[in-house]
Amino acid sequence: MLIHIEVANGKKDRYTILSYTLLEDLRDYYKQWKPEKYIIEGLYGKQYSGQSVG
């Protein structure tokens, strides 16, 4: 139940805890939107910035 974040702030990889509530939300999101490369994609399958997601 960990999330691996590659190249986070300070250009370091990090791990954070994944809650069961967020896991269920991510499953629902994935079923509905079917992202191809990133969990949350912008227009044309491009990566969303951290500011846009937050």
PDB file of N, CA and C in Angstrom:
ATOM      1  N   MET A   1       0.821  -1.192   0.000  1.00  0.00           N
ATOM      2  CA  MET A   1       0.000   0.000   0.000  1.00  0.00           C
ATOM      3  C   MET A   1       0.866   1.258   0.000  1.00  0.00           C
ATOM      4  N   LEU A   2       1.873   1.254  -0.860  1.00  0.00           N
ATOM      5  CA  LEU A   2       2.748   2.410  -1.030  1.00  0.00           C
ATOM      6  C   LEU A   2       2.681   2.903  -2.464  1.00  0.00           C
ATOM      7  N   ILE A   3       2.896   4.202  -2.639  1.00  0.00           N
ATOM      8  CA  ILE A   3       2.991   4.806  -3.969  1.00  0.00           C
ATOM      9  C   ILE A   3       4.442   5.243  -4.163  1.00  0.00           C
ATOM     10  N   HIS A   4       5.020   4.875  -5.289  1.00  0.00           N
ATOM     11  CA  HIS A   4       6.378   5.300  -5.626  1.00  0.00           C
ATOM     12  C   HIS A   4       6.267   6.508  -6.542  1.00  0.00           C
ATOM     13  N   ILE A   5       6.828   7.627  -6.111  1.00  0.00           N
ATOM     14  CA  ILE A   5       6.804   8.865  -6.883  1.00  0.00           C
ATOM     15  C   ILE A   5       8.208   9.082  -7.434  1.00  0.00           C
ATOM     16  N   GLU A   6       8.342   9.012  -8.750  1.00  0.00           N
ATOM     17  CA  GLU A   6       9.645   9.174  -9.378  1.00  0.00           C
ATOM     18  C   GLU A   6       9.954  10.650  -9.604  1.00  0.00           C
ATOM     19  N   VAL A   7      11.149  11.044  -9.279  1.00  0.00           N
ATOM     20  CA  VAL A   7      11.674  12.398  -9.485  1.00  0.00           C
ATOM     21  C   VAL A   7      10.708  13.443  -8.896  1.00  0.00           C
ATOM     22  N   ALA A   8      10.508  13.359  -7.604  1.00  0.00           N
ATOM     23  CA  ALA A   8       9.663  14.325  -6.893  1.00  0.00           C
ATOM     24  C   ALA A   8      10.466  15.603  -6.645  1.00  0.00           C
ATOM     25  N   ASN A   9       9.999  16.446  -5.733  1.00  0.00           N
ATOM     26  CA  ASN A   9      10.720  17.675  -5.404  1.00  0.00           C
ATOM     27  C   ASN A   9      12.156  17.344  -5.013  1.00  0.00           C
ATOM     28  N   GLY A  10      13.091  18.141  -5.447  1.00  0.00           N
ATOM     29  CA  GLY A  10      14.492  17.882  -5.173  1.00  0.00           C
ATOM     30  C   GLY A  10      15.071  16.786  -6.047  1.00  0.00           C
ATOM     31  N   LYS A  11      14.321  16.401  -7.081  1.00  0.00           N
ATOM     32  CA  LYS A  11      14.737  15.374  -8.038  1.00  0.00           C
ATOM     33  C   LYS A  11      15.093  14.058  -7.355  1.00  0.00           C
ATOM     34  N   LYS A  12      14.313  13.709  -6.316  1.00  0.00           N
ATOM     35  CA  LYS A  12      14.511  12.456  -5.600  1.00  0.00           C
ATOM     36  C   LYS A  12      13.259  11.601  -5.730  1.00  0.00           C
ATOM     37  N   ASP A  13      13.443  10.294  -5.745  1.00  0.00           N
ATOM     38  CA  ASP A  13      12.306   9.381  -5.710  1.00  0.00           C
ATOM     39  C   ASP A  13      11.790   9.314  -4.276  1.00  0.00           C
ATOM     40  N   ARG A  14      10.476   9.200  -4.151  1.00  0.00           N
ATOM     41  CA  ARG A  14       9.870   9.151  -2.819  1.00  0.00           C
ATOM     42  C   ARG A  14       8.790   8.076  -2.770  1.00  0.00           C
ATOM     43  N   TYR A  15       8.456   7.663  -1.562  1.00  0.00           N
ATOM     44  CA  TYR A  15       7.356   6.742  -1.314  1.00  0.00           C
ATOM     45  C   TYR A  15       6.389   7.407  -0.354  1.00  0.00           C
ATOM     46  N   THR A  16       5.097   7.149  -0.553  1.00  0.00           N
ATOM     47  CA  THR A  16       4.083   7.656   0.358  1.00  0.00           C
ATOM     48  C   THR A  16       3.023   6.579   0.542  1.00  0.00           C
ATOM     49  N   ILE A  17       2.262   6.696   1.590  1.00  0.00           N
ATOM     50  CA  ILE A  17       1.240   5.705   1.923  1.00  0.00           C
ATOM     51  C   ILE A  17       0.014   5.891   1.039  1.00  0.00           C
ATOM     52  N   LEU A  18      -0.553   4.782   0.588  1.00  0.00           N
ATOM     53  CA  LEU A  18      -1.782   4.784  -0.212  1.00  0.00           C
ATOM     54  C   LEU A  18      -2.927   4.300   0.668  1.00  0.00           C
ATOM     55  N   SER A  19      -3.899   5.172   0.908  1.00  0.00           N
ATOM     56  CA  SER A  19      -5.039   4.787   1.744  1.00  0.00           C
ATOM     57  C   SER A  19      -6.017   3.938   0.934  1.00  0.00           C
ATOM     58  N   TYR A  20      -6.806   3.149   1.626  1.00  0.00           N
ATOM     59  CA  TYR A  20      -7.803   2.309   0.951  1.00  0.00           C
ATOM     60  C   TYR A  20      -8.858   3.160   0.237  1.00  0.00           C
ATOM     61  N   THR A  21      -9.196   4.313   0.819  1.00  0.00           N
ATOM     62  CA  THR A  21     -10.170   5.205   0.191  1.00  0.00           C
ATOM     63  C   THR A  21      -9.643   5.730  -1.140  1.00  0.00           C
ATOM     64  N   LEU A  22      -8.381   6.169  -1.145  1.00  0.00           N
ATOM     65  CA  LEU A  22      -7.785   6.664  -2.384  1.00  0.00           C
ATOM     66  C   LEU A  22      -7.644   5.539  -3.401  1.00  0.00           C
ATOM     67  N   LEU A  23      -7.316   4.343  -2.952  1.00  0.00           N
ATOM     68  CA  LEU A  23      -7.207   3.202  -3.859  1.00  0.00           C
ATOM     69  C   LEU A  23      -8.530   2.946  -4.579  1.00  0.00           C
ATOM     70  N   GLU A  24      -9.632   2.987  -3.855  1.00  0.00           N
ATOM     71  CA  GLU A  24     -10.952   2.792  -4.461  1.00  0.00           C
ATOM     72  C   GLU A  24     -11.267   3.909  -5.451  1.00  0.00           C
ATOM     73  N   ASP A  25     -10.941   5.151  -5.081  1.00  0.00           N
ATOM     74  CA  ASP A  25     -11.166   6.288  -5.986  1.00  0.00           C
ATOM     75  C   ASP A  25     -10.338   6.138  -7.261  1.00  0.00           C
ATOM     76  N   LEU A  26      -9.081   5.725  -7.128  1.00  0.00           N
ATOM     77  CA  LEU A  26      -8.226   5.535  -8.302  1.00  0.00           C
ATOM     78  C   LEU A  26      -8.746   4.422  -9.202  1.00  0.00           C
ATOM     79  N   ARG A  27      -9.271   3.360  -8.601  1.00  0.00           N
ATOM     80  CA  ARG A  27      -9.854   2.269  -9.403  1.00  0.00           C
ATOM     81  C   ARG A  27     -11.056   2.755 -10.201  1.00  0.00           C
ATOM     82  N   ASP A  28     -11.919   3.530  -9.561  1.00  0.00           N
ATOM     83  CA  ASP A  28     -13.087   4.079 -10.254  1.00  0.00           C
ATOM     84  C   ASP A  28     -12.660   5.020 -11.378  1.00  0.00           C
ATOM     85  N   TYR A  29     -11.690   5.873 -11.096  1.00  0.00           N
ATOM     86  CA  TYR A  29     -11.170   6.812 -12.095  1.00  0.00           C
ATOM     87  C   TYR A  29     -10.603   6.048 -13.287  1.00  0.00           C
ATOM     88  N   TYR A  30      -9.803   5.015 -13.007  1.00  0.00           N
ATOM     89  CA  TYR A  30      -9.176   4.243 -14.076  1.00  0.00           C
ATOM     90  C   TYR A  30     -10.217   3.556 -14.957  1.00  0.00           C
ATOM     91  N   LYS A  31     -11.236   2.986 -14.337  1.00  0.00           N
ATOM     92  CA  LYS A  31     -12.294   2.316 -15.102  1.00  0.00           C
ATOM     93  C   LYS A  31     -13.033   3.295 -16.013  1.00  0.00           C
ATOM     94  N   GLN A  32     -13.245   4.511 -15.529  1.00  0.00           N
ATOM     95  CA  GLN A  32     -13.998   5.495 -16.303  1.00  0.00           C
ATOM     96  C   GLN A  32     -13.158   6.122 -17.412  1.00  0.00           C
ATOM     97  N   TRP A  33     -11.918   6.529 -17.116  1.00  0.00           N
ATOM     98  CA  TRP A  33     -11.128   7.316 -18.062  1.00  0.00           C
ATOM     99  C   TRP A  33     -10.074   6.515 -18.814  1.00  0.00           C
ATOM    100  N   LYS A  34      -9.661   5.370 -18.311  1.00  0.00           N
ATOM    101  CA  LYS A  34      -8.673   4.493 -18.946  1.00  0.00           C
ATOM    102  C   LYS A  34      -7.424   5.236 -19.422  1.00  0.00           C
ATOM    103  N   PRO A  35      -6.682   5.847 -18.484  1.00  0.00           N
ATOM    104  CA  PRO A  35      -5.452   6.550 -18.876  1.00  0.00           C
ATOM    105  C   PRO A  35      -4.430   5.572 -19.442  1.00  0.00           C
ATOM    106  N   GLU A  36      -3.614   6.038 -20.379  1.00  0.00           N
ATOM    107  CA  GLU A  36      -2.664   5.150 -21.039  1.00  0.00           C
ATOM    108  C   GLU A  36      -1.266   5.193 -20.435  1.00  0.00           C
ATOM    109  N   LYS A  37      -0.763   6.384 -20.099  1.00  0.00           N
ATOM    110  CA  LYS A  37       0.613   6.478 -19.600  1.00  0.00           C
ATOM    111  C   LYS A  37       0.681   7.005 -18.176  1.00  0.00           C
ATOM    112  N   TYR A  38      -0.041   8.078 -17.885  1.00  0.00           N
ATOM    113  CA  TYR A  38      -0.014   8.695 -16.565  1.00  0.00           C
ATOM    114  C   TYR A  38      -1.327   8.415 -15.854  1.00  0.00           C
ATOM    115  N   ILE A  39      -1.292   8.412 -14.524  1.00  0.00           N
ATOM    116  CA  ILE A  39      -2.534   8.170 -13.774  1.00  0.00           C
ATOM    117  C   ILE A  39      -3.552   9.257 -14.097  1.00  0.00           C
ATOM    118  N   ILE A  40      -3.112  10.506 -14.068  1.00  0.00           N
ATOM    119  CA  ILE A  40      -4.000  11.623 -14.396  1.00  0.00           C
ATOM    120  C   ILE A  40      -3.419  12.316 -15.622  1.00  0.00           C
ATOM    121  N   GLU A  41      -4.103  12.211 -16.743  1.00  0.00           N
ATOM    122  CA  GLU A  41      -3.614  12.764 -17.998  1.00  0.00           C
ATOM    123  C   GLU A  41      -4.405  14.007 -18.390  1.00  0.00           C
ATOM    124  N   GLY A  42      -3.709  14.919 -19.045  1.00  0.00           N
ATOM    125  CA  GLY A  42      -4.342  16.104 -19.587  1.00  0.00           C
ATOM    126  C   GLY A  42      -4.809  15.835 -21.012  1.00  0.00           C
ATOM    127  N   LEU A  43      -4.993  16.908 -21.762  1.00  0.00           N
ATOM    128  CA  LEU A  43      -5.408  16.772 -23.149  1.00  0.00           C
ATOM    129  C   LEU A  43      -4.395  15.978 -23.950  1.00  0.00           C
ATOM    130  N   TYR A  44      -4.850  15.169 -24.840  1.00  0.00           N
ATOM    131  CA  TYR A  44      -4.020  14.395 -25.758  1.00  0.00           C
ATOM    132  C   TYR A  44      -3.064  13.435 -25.038  1.00  0.00           C
ATOM    133  N   GLY A  45      -3.423  13.011 -23.820  1.00  0.00           N
ATOM    134  CA  GLY A  45      -2.609  12.053 -23.087  1.00  0.00           C
ATOM    135  C   GLY A  45      -1.346  12.594 -22.495  1.00  0.00           C
ATOM    136  N   LYS A  46      -1.229  13.915 -22.392  1.00  0.00           N
ATOM    137  CA  LYS A  46      -0.027  14.540 -21.827  1.00  0.00           C
ATOM    138  C   LYS A  46      -0.109  14.567 -20.310  1.00  0.00           C
ATOM    139  N   GLN A  47       1.058  14.712 -19.678  1.00  0.00           N
ATOM    140  CA  GLN A  47       1.158  14.725 -18.230  1.00  0.00           C
ATOM    141  C   GLN A  47       0.587  16.017 -17.656  1.00  0.00           C
ATOM    142  N   TYR A  48      -0.190  15.904 -16.584  1.00  0.00           N
ATOM    143  CA  TYR A  48      -0.677  17.066 -15.847  1.00  0.00           C
ATOM    144  C   TYR A  48       0.439  17.569 -14.941  1.00  0.00           C
ATOM    145  N   SER A  49       0.507  18.852 -14.728  1.00  0.00           N
ATOM    146  CA  SER A  49       1.493  19.382 -13.789  1.00  0.00           C
ATOM    147  C   SER A  49       0.978  19.183 -12.366  1.00  0.00           C
ATOM    148  N   GLY A  50       1.904  19.217 -11.414  1.00  0.00           N
ATOM    149  CA  GLY A  50       1.527  19.064 -10.008  1.00  0.00           C
ATOM    150  C   GLY A  50       0.582  20.147  -9.539  1.00  0.00           C
ATOM    151  N   GLN A  51       0.744  21.374 -10.045  1.00  0.00           N
ATOM    152  CA  GLN A  51      -0.136  22.470  -9.669  1.00  0.00           C
ATOM    153  C   GLN A  51      -1.562  22.244 -10.165  1.00  0.00           C
ATOM    154  N   SER A  52      -1.701  21.630 -11.330  1.00  0.00           N
ATOM    155  CA  SER A  52      -3.026  21.385 -11.888  1.00  0.00           C
ATOM    156  C   SER A  52      -3.772  20.313 -11.112  1.00  0.00           C
ATOM    157  N   VAL A  53      -3.063  19.313 -10.638  1.00  0.00           N
ATOM    158  CA  VAL A  53      -3.690  18.216  -9.893  1.00  0.00           C
ATOM    159  C   VAL A  53      -4.052  18.669  -8.502  1.00  0.00           C
ATOM    160  N   GLY A  54      -3.150  19.406  -7.834  1.00  0.00           N
ATOM    161  CA  GLY A  54      -3.316  19.817  -6.434  1.00  0.00           C
ATOM    162  C   GLY A  54      -4.407  20.787  -6.306  1.00  0.00           C
TER     163      GLY A  54
END
